[in-house]
Amino acid sequence: MIDELDGRVIALFAAEPRIGVLEASRRLGVARGTVQARLDRLVRQGVIRGFGPEIDPAALGYAVTAFVTLQIRQPGGHDPVAERLAGVPEVIEAHTITGGGDMLCRVVARSNQDLQRVIDMIVDVRGVERASSVISLVTQVRQRTLPLVAAAAREAGREAG
């Protein structure tokens, strides 16, 4: 579980990943050692997975985002397909899913025509039987976790209080 201070630490480093522990401690009003200990614990627990830059594929020239649902040949399984998909740079996420398909991939491409090339590469992956795609027109809610962090911290506060 995380508490309110953990939530504040996470929010600050998410907003300003290059801030540094000393400046974070000053802004949060706690000791530098406290901030460092919190960060270390959150990393160790897997709550914080990294401090790297957030990359915008569109700024790299990949303006088209699509979601591709895959039907996978069952005897081969999902893991070998996922390993092969990891070799396609335009596949930026892949999830095993329930429902009408077996795997859902978020992919990027330079254009709609380039998307056809990416889909062809995906369909060529051994174990993929067919693919169905939808193109994202506008991202209404960007991938986010800070509202979830805040909710978890509030919940922990209610349980502790």
C-alpha atoms as a PDB file:
ATOM      1  CA  MET A   1       0.000   0.000   0.000  1.00  0.00           C
ATOM      2  CA  ILE A   2       1.013   3.598  -0.439  1.00  0.00           C
ATOM      3  CA  ASP A   3       0.229   6.525   1.805  1.00  0.00           C
ATOM      4  CA  GLU A   4      -0.387  10.210   1.177  1.00  0.00           C
ATOM      5  CA  LEU A   5       3.321  11.099   1.196  1.00  0.00           C
ATOM      6  CA  ASP A   6       4.082   8.292  -1.254  1.00  0.00           C
ATOM      7  CA  GLY A   7       1.377   9.725  -3.494  1.00  0.00           C
ATOM      8  CA  ARG A   8       2.912  13.196  -3.297  1.00  0.00           C
ATOM      9  CA  VAL A   9       6.385  11.806  -4.048  1.00  0.00           C
ATOM     10  CA  ILE A  10       5.084   9.888  -7.064  1.00  0.00           C
ATOM     11  CA  ALA A  11       3.118  12.887  -8.368  1.00  0.00           C
ATOM     12  CA  LEU A  12       6.124  15.196  -8.054  1.00  0.00           C
ATOM     13  CA  PHE A  13       8.522  12.837  -9.823  1.00  0.00           C
ATOM     14  CA  ALA A  14       5.932  12.065 -12.512  1.00  0.00           C
ATOM     15  CA  ALA A  15       5.515  15.785 -13.209  1.00  0.00           C
ATOM     16  CA  GLU A  16       9.238  16.555 -12.975  1.00  0.00           C
ATOM     17  CA  PRO A  17      11.312  13.369 -13.347  1.00  0.00           C
ATOM     18  CA  ARG A  18      14.598  15.310 -13.339  1.00  0.00           C
ATOM     19  CA  ILE A  19      13.876  17.201 -10.125  1.00  0.00           C
ATOM     20  CA  GLY A  20      16.397  15.455  -7.861  1.00  0.00           C
ATOM     21  CA  VAL A  21      15.906  14.161  -4.346  1.00  0.00           C
ATOM     22  CA  LEU A  22      17.162  17.288  -2.578  1.00  0.00           C
ATOM     23  CA  GLU A  23      14.780  19.639  -4.405  1.00  0.00           C
ATOM     24  CA  ALA A  24      11.934  17.130  -3.972  1.00  0.00           C
ATOM     25  CA  SER A  25      12.550  17.037  -0.227  1.00  0.00           C
ATOM     26  CA  ARG A  26      12.451  20.840  -0.100  1.00  0.00           C
ATOM     27  CA  ARG A  27       9.171  21.032  -2.026  1.00  0.00           C
ATOM     28  CA  LEU A  28       7.546  18.217  -0.065  1.00  0.00           C
ATOM     29  CA  GLY A  29       8.742  19.563   3.278  1.00  0.00           C
ATOM     30  CA  VAL A  30      10.395  16.317   4.387  1.00  0.00           C
ATOM     31  CA  ALA A  31      13.983  15.161   4.867  1.00  0.00           C
ATOM     32  CA  ARG A  32      16.060  14.167   1.844  1.00  0.00           C
ATOM     33  CA  GLY A  33      16.571  10.725   3.385  1.00  0.00           C
ATOM     34  CA  THR A  34      12.807  10.286   3.676  1.00  0.00           C
ATOM     35  CA  VAL A  35      12.299  11.028  -0.028  1.00  0.00           C
ATOM     36  CA  GLN A  36      15.153   8.680  -0.993  1.00  0.00           C
ATOM     37  CA  ALA A  37      13.824   5.909   1.248  1.00  0.00           C
ATOM     38  CA  ARG A  38      10.327   6.314  -0.196  1.00  0.00           C
ATOM     39  CA  LEU A  39      11.640   6.214  -3.773  1.00  0.00           C
ATOM     40  CA  ASP A  40      13.787   3.156  -3.053  1.00  0.00           C
ATOM     41  CA  ARG A  41      10.848   1.315  -1.459  1.00  0.00           C
ATOM     42  CA  LEU A  42       8.448   2.235  -4.281  1.00  0.00           C
ATOM     43  CA  VAL A  43      10.953   1.010  -6.872  1.00  0.00           C
ATOM     44  CA  ARG A  44      11.636  -2.180  -4.903  1.00  0.00           C
ATOM     45  CA  GLN A  45       7.883  -2.878  -4.638  1.00  0.00           C
ATOM     46  CA  GLY A  46       7.441  -2.297  -8.375  1.00  0.00           C
ATOM     47  CA  VAL A  47       5.139   0.706  -7.925  1.00  0.00           C
ATOM     48  CA  ILE A  48       7.652   2.898  -9.774  1.00  0.00           C
ATOM     49  CA  ARG A  49       9.012   1.089 -12.823  1.00  0.00           C
ATOM     50  CA  GLY A  50      11.368   3.739 -14.121  1.00  0.00           C
ATOM     51  CA  PHE A  51      12.381   7.346 -14.447  1.00  0.00           C
ATOM     52  CA  GLY A  52      12.996   7.457 -18.191  1.00  0.00           C
ATOM     53  CA  PRO A  53      11.686  10.041 -20.613  1.00  0.00           C
ATOM     54  CA  GLU A  54       8.138   9.726 -21.910  1.00  0.00           C
ATOM     55  CA  ILE A  55       8.316   9.397 -25.698  1.00  0.00           C
ATOM     56  CA  ASP A  56       5.678  10.717 -28.108  1.00  0.00           C
ATOM     57  CA  PRO A  57       5.628   8.481 -31.215  1.00  0.00           C
ATOM     58  CA  ALA A  58       3.981  11.265 -33.262  1.00  0.00           C
ATOM     59  CA  ALA A  59       6.976  13.536 -32.598  1.00  0.00           C
ATOM     60  CA  LEU A  60       9.156  10.774 -34.094  1.00  0.00           C
ATOM     61  CA  GLY A  61       7.020  10.735 -37.244  1.00  0.00           C
ATOM     62  CA  TYR A  62       4.607   7.959 -36.231  1.00  0.00           C
ATOM     63  CA  ALA A  63       1.378   9.963 -36.365  1.00  0.00           C
ATOM     64  CA  VAL A  64      -1.025   7.009 -36.768  1.00  0.00           C
ATOM     65  CA  THR A  65      -2.029   4.884 -33.773  1.00  0.00           C
ATOM     66  CA  ALA A  66      -4.063   1.741 -34.259  1.00  0.00           C
ATOM     67  CA  PHE A  67      -5.298  -1.125 -32.136  1.00  0.00           C
ATOM     68  CA  VAL A  68      -4.898  -4.537 -33.715  1.00  0.00           C
ATOM     69  CA  THR A  69      -6.774  -7.577 -32.403  1.00  0.00           C
ATOM     70  CA  LEU A  70      -5.061 -10.853 -33.219  1.00  0.00           C
ATOM     71  CA  GLN A  71      -6.378 -14.367 -33.527  1.00  0.00           C
ATOM     72  CA  ILE A  72      -3.598 -16.724 -32.488  1.00  0.00           C
ATOM     73  CA  ARG A  73      -3.111 -20.361 -33.435  1.00  0.00           C
ATOM     74  CA  GLN A  74      -3.858 -22.078 -30.109  1.00  0.00           C
ATOM     75  CA  PRO A  75      -1.330 -24.944 -30.171  1.00  0.00           C
ATOM     76  CA  GLY A  76       1.577 -22.470 -30.321  1.00  0.00           C
ATOM     77  CA  GLY A  77       0.424 -20.286 -27.452  1.00  0.00           C
ATOM     78  CA  HIS A  78       0.664 -16.581 -26.717  1.00  0.00           C
ATOM     79  CA  ASP A  79       4.213 -16.296 -25.389  1.00  0.00           C
ATOM     80  CA  PRO A  80       6.042 -17.217 -28.624  1.00  0.00           C
ATOM     81  CA  VAL A  81       3.831 -14.786 -30.555  1.00  0.00           C
ATOM     82  CA  ALA A  82       4.494 -12.024 -28.023  1.00  0.00           C
ATOM     83  CA  GLU A  83       8.245 -12.648 -28.267  1.00  0.00           C
ATOM     84  CA  ARG A  84       8.104 -12.320 -32.052  1.00  0.00           C
ATOM     85  CA  LEU A  85       5.906  -9.207 -31.863  1.00  0.00           C
ATOM     86  CA  ALA A  86       8.513  -7.618 -29.587  1.00  0.00           C
ATOM     87  CA  GLY A  87      10.770  -7.640 -32.646  1.00  0.00           C
ATOM     88  CA  VAL A  88       8.408  -5.300 -34.516  1.00  0.00           C
ATOM     89  CA  PRO A  89       9.382  -1.770 -33.405  1.00  0.00           C
ATOM     90  CA  GLU A  90       5.972  -0.322 -34.253  1.00  0.00           C
ATOM     91  CA  VAL A  91       4.250  -2.666 -31.775  1.00  0.00           C
ATOM     92  CA  ILE A  92       4.385  -0.540 -28.639  1.00  0.00           C
ATOM     93  CA  GLU A  93       2.113  -2.713 -26.461  1.00  0.00           C
ATOM     94  CA  ALA A  94       0.680  -6.217 -26.627  1.00  0.00           C
ATOM     95  CA  HIS A  95      -1.825  -7.750 -24.210  1.00  0.00           C
ATOM     96  CA  THR A  96      -3.380 -11.192 -23.987  1.00  0.00           C
ATOM     97  CA  ILE A  97      -7.117 -10.533 -23.786  1.00  0.00           C
ATOM     98  CA  THR A  98     -10.475 -12.148 -23.236  1.00  0.00           C
ATOM     99  CA  GLY A  99     -13.344 -11.815 -25.666  1.00  0.00           C
ATOM    100  CA  GLY A 100     -13.396 -12.054 -29.433  1.00  0.00           C
ATOM    101  CA  GLY A 101      -9.631 -12.031 -29.926  1.00  0.00           C
ATOM    102  CA  ASP A 102      -6.574 -13.504 -28.307  1.00  0.00           C
ATOM    103  CA  MET A 103      -4.210 -10.544 -28.206  1.00  0.00           C
ATOM    104  CA  LEU A 104      -4.572  -6.777 -28.500  1.00  0.00           C
ATOM    105  CA  CYS A 105      -1.682  -4.682 -29.784  1.00  0.00           C
ATOM    106  CA  ARG A 106      -1.238  -0.943 -29.823  1.00  0.00           C
ATOM    107  CA  VAL A 107       0.791  -0.066 -32.886  1.00  0.00           C
ATOM    108  CA  VAL A 108       2.046   3.103 -34.498  1.00  0.00           C
ATOM    109  CA  ALA A 109       2.780   3.928 -38.112  1.00  0.00           C
ATOM    110  CA  ARG A 110       3.925   6.899 -40.171  1.00  0.00           C
ATOM    111  CA  SER A 111       0.718   6.982 -42.261  1.00  0.00           C
ATOM    112  CA  ASN A 112      -2.305   4.863 -43.098  1.00  0.00           C
ATOM    113  CA  GLN A 113      -0.330   3.350 -45.967  1.00  0.00           C
ATOM    114  CA  ASP A 114       2.537   2.580 -43.582  1.00  0.00           C
ATOM    115  CA  LEU A 115       0.021   0.994 -41.212  1.00  0.00           C
ATOM    116  CA  GLN A 116      -0.639  -1.613 -43.898  1.00  0.00           C
ATOM    117  CA  ARG A 117       3.077  -2.456 -43.871  1.00  0.00           C
ATOM    118  CA  VAL A 118       3.029  -2.814 -40.072  1.00  0.00           C
ATOM    119  CA  ILE A 119      -0.069  -5.014 -40.140  1.00  0.00           C
ATOM    120  CA  ASP A 120       1.521  -7.170 -42.834  1.00  0.00           C
ATOM    121  CA  MET A 121       4.575  -7.623 -40.587  1.00  0.00           C
ATOM    122  CA  ILE A 122       2.314  -8.619 -37.693  1.00  0.00           C
ATOM    123  CA  VAL A 123       0.324 -11.099 -39.774  1.00  0.00           C
ATOM    124  CA  ASP A 124       3.624 -12.622 -40.957  1.00  0.00           C
ATOM    125  CA  VAL A 125       4.483 -13.501 -37.340  1.00  0.00           C
ATOM    126  CA  ARG A 126       4.343 -17.282 -36.951  1.00  0.00           C
ATOM    127  CA  GLY A 127       1.302 -18.160 -34.839  1.00  0.00           C
ATOM    128  CA  VAL A 128      -0.869 -15.211 -35.916  1.00  0.00           C
ATOM    129  CA  GLU A 129      -3.854 -16.427 -37.913  1.00  0.00           C
ATOM    130  CA  ARG A 130      -5.593 -13.117 -38.592  1.00  0.00           C
ATOM    131  CA  ALA A 131      -5.705  -9.507 -37.539  1.00  0.00           C
ATOM    132  CA  SER A 132      -8.423  -6.900 -37.238  1.00  0.00           C
ATOM    133  CA  SER A 133      -7.516  -3.256 -36.754  1.00  0.00           C
ATOM    134  CA  VAL A 134      -9.086   0.037 -35.761  1.00  0.00           C
ATOM    135  CA  ILE A 135      -7.394   3.401 -36.172  1.00  0.00           C
ATOM    136  CA  SER A 136      -7.395   5.875 -33.316  1.00  0.00           C
ATOM    137  CA  LEU A 137      -8.679   9.243 -34.503  1.00  0.00           C
ATOM    138  CA  VAL A 138      -8.052  11.280 -31.341  1.00  0.00           C
ATOM    139  CA  THR A 139      -6.662  10.293 -27.946  1.00  0.00           C
ATOM    140  CA  GLN A 140      -9.329  11.492 -25.515  1.00  0.00           C
ATOM    141  CA  VAL A 141      -7.612  10.335 -22.301  1.00  0.00           C
ATOM    142  CA  ARG A 142      -3.864   9.760 -22.399  1.00  0.00           C
ATOM    143  CA  GLN A 143      -2.365   6.824 -20.541  1.00  0.00           C
ATOM    144  CA  ARG A 144      -2.258   7.954 -16.956  1.00  0.00           C
ATOM    145  CA  THR A 145      -1.709   6.571 -13.498  1.00  0.00           C
ATOM    146  CA  LEU A 146      -1.681   9.608 -11.191  1.00  0.00           C
ATOM    147  CA  PRO A 147      -5.463   9.493 -10.534  1.00  0.00           C
ATOM    148  CA  LEU A 148      -4.985   5.840  -9.558  1.00  0.00           C
ATOM    149  CA  VAL A 149      -2.088   6.775  -7.245  1.00  0.00           C
ATOM    150  CA  ALA A 150      -4.245   9.423  -5.569  1.00  0.00           C
ATOM    151  CA  ALA A 151      -7.133   6.961  -5.141  1.00  0.00           C
ATOM    152  CA  ALA A 152      -4.827   4.307  -3.642  1.00  0.00           C
ATOM    153  CA  ALA A 153      -3.332   6.845  -1.216  1.00  0.00           C
ATOM    154  CA  ARG A 154      -6.823   8.019  -0.156  1.00  0.00           C
ATOM    155  CA  GLU A 155      -7.934   4.421   0.361  1.00  0.00           C
ATOM    156  CA  ALA A 156      -4.851   3.672   2.468  1.00  0.00           C
ATOM    157  CA  GLY A 157      -5.584   6.802   4.531  1.00  0.00           C
ATOM    158  CA  ARG A 158      -9.168   5.660   5.172  1.00  0.00           C
ATOM    159  CA  GLU A 159      -7.982   2.192   6.206  1.00  0.00           C
ATOM    160  CA  ALA A 160      -5.324   3.629   8.533  1.00  0.00           C
ATOM    161  CA  GLY A 161      -7.688   6.208  10.058  1.00  0.00           C
END
